[in-house]
Amino acid sequence: MTKLRGASAIIVTAGAAGAALLLTVPAARAEEVPPSAPMATSSASGGLNVSSAPFGAARQMAFVMLDGGDFPFKYSKSGGGSWQLHFRPALDFFLQPNVSVGGNVVVDTGGGSSTVGLGVRAGYHVALSELVSLWPLVGLSFGHTSVNNGPSTSVTTLGINVPFLFHLVPHFLLGVGPFFSLPLTDSGATPNKDPSYGLTALVGGYF
């Protein structure tokens, strides 16, 4: 009888230990699961996904204004002359991390002439630090210029821009860097084949 009671006590003790082990294993496994990676957040309306990743992530879009030799946007008037508009927006899409393709629009009016144009370009983003990066861009653009009481001209240009980007605020871009522009074709009576180069500015955002 004493042996049966001792065996029963051993069985009950072993069962309790096994139950305790089963309860502690899932808890330990839950603690070992790493936190989930950051995911894209959506706007309040639920229609637009905003990437939480840094600039240059795959499937990001960037809206920027960049031009060689002048600030990307200018609307001005001098003396009694006409208003002048200088507008060069661009939209770029990252096909894969740091590799972008995009296009830009050119609108210049005033001073007795008007220019409209389109361009395509490709770029590669290089992160230098958390706050500074490099985004070289190479592209081709076509522009058509109409002059009041004069012949119109069409120009195809090769452009290279190498802006340094400053990421001071999330989803906002501010940059400056060198540019190089070379006319490839010019339909004017006196074609211009001289290259242009200097510094350019960039402003924009990404999502």
Protein backbone atom coordinates (compact mmCIF):
# COMPACT_ATOMS: atom_id res chain seq x y z
CA MET A 1 0.00 0.00 0.00
CA THR A 2 2.86 2.32 0.91
CA LYS A 3 4.53 1.56 -2.43
CA LEU A 4 1.35 2.50 -4.36
CA ARG A 5 1.07 5.78 -2.53
CA GLY A 6 4.73 6.54 -3.27
CA ALA A 7 4.28 5.75 -6.96
CA SER A 8 1.18 7.94 -7.10
CA ALA A 9 3.08 10.81 -5.54
CA ILE A 10 5.87 10.42 -8.11
CA ILE A 11 3.35 10.38 -11.01
CA VAL A 12 1.55 13.49 -9.72
CA THR A 13 4.86 15.31 -9.23
CA ALA A 14 6.06 14.39 -12.74
CA GLY A 15 2.74 15.50 -14.28
CA ALA A 16 2.92 18.87 -12.53
CA ALA A 17 6.50 19.41 -13.70
CA GLY A 18 5.53 18.53 -17.28
CA ALA A 19 2.61 20.96 -17.26
CA ALA A 20 4.83 23.74 -15.94
CA LEU A 21 7.36 23.04 -18.70
CA LEU A 22 4.67 23.19 -21.41
CA LEU A 23 3.48 26.55 -20.11
CA THR A 24 6.94 28.13 -19.95
CA VAL A 25 8.19 27.03 -23.41
CA PRO A 26 5.65 29.09 -25.47
CA ALA A 27 6.39 32.14 -23.31
CA ALA A 28 10.12 31.76 -23.89
CA ARG A 29 9.56 31.35 -27.63
CA ALA A 30 7.41 34.49 -27.71
CA GLU A 31 10.21 36.47 -26.09
CA GLU A 32 12.69 35.21 -28.71
CA VAL A 33 10.65 36.51 -31.68
CA PRO A 34 12.36 39.69 -32.97
CA PRO A 35 10.28 42.85 -33.47
CA SER A 36 8.79 43.24 -36.92
CA ALA A 37 10.56 45.42 -39.48
CA PRO A 38 9.22 48.93 -40.20
CA MET A 39 6.38 48.90 -42.68
CA ALA A 40 4.94 51.60 -44.91
CA THR A 41 2.43 53.80 -43.19
CA SER A 42 -0.67 55.13 -44.91
CA SER A 43 -2.26 58.51 -44.90
CA ALA A 44 -5.39 59.28 -42.91
CA SER A 45 -7.55 58.77 -45.99
CA GLY A 46 -5.97 55.36 -46.60
CA GLY A 47 -5.27 56.16 -50.25
CA LEU A 48 -1.53 56.94 -50.26
CA ASN A 49 1.19 54.76 -48.78
CA VAL A 50 4.16 56.72 -47.44
CA SER A 51 7.42 54.80 -47.18
CA SER A 52 9.03 54.75 -43.75
CA ALA A 53 12.37 53.71 -45.28
CA PRO A 54 15.18 56.19 -45.98
CA PHE A 55 15.52 57.83 -49.40
CA GLY A 56 16.45 55.41 -52.19
CA ALA A 57 14.36 52.41 -51.11
CA ALA A 58 12.69 50.28 -53.78
CA ARG A 59 9.29 51.49 -55.06
CA GLN A 60 9.74 55.00 -53.69
CA MET A 61 8.73 58.03 -55.74
CA ALA A 62 10.46 61.39 -55.58
CA PHE A 63 9.12 64.73 -56.80
CA VAL A 64 11.96 67.20 -57.30
CA MET A 65 12.80 70.40 -59.12
CA LEU A 66 16.36 70.63 -60.40
CA ASP A 67 17.98 72.54 -63.23
CA GLY A 68 21.46 73.45 -64.37
CA GLY A 69 22.52 77.02 -63.90
CA ASP A 70 19.47 78.44 -62.15
CA PHE A 71 17.17 77.72 -59.23
CA PRO A 72 14.52 75.14 -60.26
CA PHE A 73 11.62 77.58 -60.01
CA LYS A 74 11.51 81.28 -60.86
CA TYR A 75 8.64 83.66 -61.58
CA SER A 76 9.87 87.21 -61.98
CA LYS A 77 9.48 90.57 -63.68
CA SER A 78 12.07 93.21 -64.51
CA GLY A 79 11.13 96.86 -65.01
CA GLY A 80 8.34 97.32 -67.54
CA GLY A 81 8.96 93.98 -69.22
CA SER A 82 6.75 90.92 -69.21
CA TRP A 83 6.53 88.29 -66.48
CA GLN A 84 8.94 85.38 -66.83
CA LEU A 85 8.26 81.83 -65.69
CA HIS A 86 11.01 79.25 -65.18
CA PHE A 87 9.62 75.84 -64.07
CA ARG A 88 11.38 72.44 -64.21
CA PRO A 89 9.56 69.71 -62.21
CA ALA A 90 10.63 66.06 -62.33
CA LEU A 91 9.28 62.73 -61.06
CA ASP A 92 11.57 59.78 -60.31
CA PHE A 93 10.77 56.18 -59.36
CA PHE A 94 13.16 53.73 -57.69
CA LEU A 95 12.90 50.42 -59.55
CA GLN A 96 15.14 48.74 -56.98
CA PRO A 97 17.20 50.02 -54.04
CA ASN A 98 19.12 53.17 -55.09
CA VAL A 99 18.36 52.78 -58.84
CA SER A 100 15.95 55.40 -60.21
CA VAL A 101 14.37 56.33 -63.54
CA GLY A 102 12.32 59.42 -64.20
CA GLY A 103 11.27 62.26 -66.42
CA ASN A 104 11.10 66.03 -66.30
CA VAL A 105 9.15 68.87 -67.88
CA VAL A 106 10.58 72.22 -69.01
CA VAL A 107 8.52 75.43 -69.12
CA ASP A 108 10.20 78.78 -69.83
CA THR A 109 8.19 81.83 -70.89
CA GLY A 110 8.86 85.54 -71.09
CA GLY A 111 11.27 87.90 -72.76
CA GLY A 112 9.67 87.48 -76.17
CA SER A 113 10.10 83.70 -76.31
CA SER A 114 8.74 80.51 -74.83
CA THR A 115 10.29 77.06 -74.42
CA VAL A 116 8.61 73.76 -73.66
CA GLY A 117 10.39 70.46 -73.36
CA LEU A 118 10.48 66.91 -72.03
CA GLY A 119 13.30 64.78 -70.69
CA VAL A 120 14.13 61.32 -69.40
CA ARG A 121 16.86 60.38 -66.95
CA ALA A 122 18.34 57.67 -64.74
CA GLY A 123 20.15 57.92 -61.44
CA TYR A 124 21.93 56.01 -58.71
CA HIS A 125 21.72 57.02 -55.06
CA VAL A 126 24.74 56.65 -52.74
CA ALA A 127 24.27 57.13 -49.00
CA LEU A 128 27.30 58.85 -47.45
CA SER A 129 25.86 59.19 -43.93
CA GLU A 130 22.49 59.42 -42.21
CA LEU A 131 22.15 63.08 -43.23
CA VAL A 132 24.10 63.36 -46.51
CA SER A 133 23.98 61.35 -49.75
CA LEU A 134 24.90 61.64 -53.43
CA TRP A 135 22.43 61.18 -56.32
CA PRO A 136 24.12 61.34 -59.77
CA LEU A 137 21.60 61.79 -62.61
CA VAL A 138 22.17 61.40 -66.36
CA GLY A 139 19.51 62.19 -68.95
CA LEU A 140 18.44 63.43 -72.37
CA SER A 141 16.06 66.32 -72.91
CA PHE A 142 14.31 67.85 -75.92
CA GLY A 143 13.22 71.47 -75.97
CA HIS A 144 11.33 73.57 -78.53
CA THR A 145 11.70 77.35 -78.42
CA SER A 146 9.34 79.78 -80.15
CA VAL A 147 10.38 83.41 -80.60
CA ASN A 148 8.00 86.28 -81.29
CA ASN A 149 8.43 87.37 -84.92
CA GLY A 150 11.28 84.92 -85.36
CA PRO A 151 12.10 81.31 -86.29
CA SER A 152 11.60 78.50 -83.79
CA THR A 153 14.39 76.12 -82.80
CA SER A 154 14.63 72.63 -81.33
CA VAL A 155 17.52 71.40 -79.19
CA THR A 156 18.43 67.97 -77.83
CA THR A 157 20.70 68.07 -74.80
CA LEU A 158 22.71 65.61 -72.72
CA GLY A 159 22.60 66.55 -69.05
CA ILE A 160 24.53 65.33 -66.02
CA ASN A 161 23.69 66.47 -62.49
CA VAL A 162 25.49 65.32 -59.34
CA PRO A 163 23.67 66.86 -56.37
CA PHE A 164 24.63 66.28 -52.76
CA LEU A 165 21.41 65.71 -50.79
CA PHE A 166 20.85 66.87 -47.22
CA HIS A 167 18.23 64.84 -45.33
CA LEU A 168 17.48 67.23 -42.48
CA VAL A 169 13.75 66.42 -42.33
CA PRO A 170 12.10 63.07 -43.23
CA HIS A 171 10.56 62.98 -46.74
CA PHE A 172 12.12 66.33 -47.70
CA LEU A 173 15.07 66.82 -50.07
CA LEU A 174 17.45 69.75 -50.28
CA GLY A 175 20.59 69.56 -52.38
CA VAL A 176 23.29 71.32 -54.33
CA GLY A 177 25.97 70.09 -56.70
CA PRO A 178 27.70 70.41 -60.08
CA PHE A 179 26.02 70.03 -63.46
CA PHE A 180 27.17 69.57 -67.05
CA SER A 181 25.00 70.18 -70.14
CA LEU A 182 25.98 69.48 -73.76
CA PRO A 183 23.79 70.29 -76.82
CA LEU A 184 23.69 67.28 -79.16
CA THR A 185 21.46 68.72 -81.89
CA ASP A 186 20.36 72.28 -82.62
CA SER A 187 18.06 73.25 -85.47
CA GLY A 188 18.88 76.97 -85.25
CA ALA A 189 20.56 78.93 -88.02
CA THR A 190 23.68 79.19 -85.86
CA PRO A 191 23.72 75.94 -83.84
CA ASN A 192 25.10 76.16 -80.34
CA LYS A 193 27.48 73.29 -79.51
CA ASP A 194 29.12 74.85 -76.45
CA PRO A 195 28.72 72.94 -73.16
CA SER A 196 27.48 74.56 -69.98
CA TYR A 197 28.57 73.70 -66.47
CA GLY A 198 28.36 75.07 -62.96
CA LEU A 199 26.33 74.52 -59.79
CA THR A 200 22.65 73.66 -59.48
CA ALA A 201 20.15 73.44 -56.63
CA LEU A 202 17.52 70.80 -55.87
CA VAL A 203 14.37 70.86 -53.75
CA GLY A 204 11.68 68.21 -53.40
CA GLY A 205 10.27 65.33 -51.42
CA TYR A 206 9.72 61.57 -51.58
CA PHE A 207 7.07 59.07 -50.50
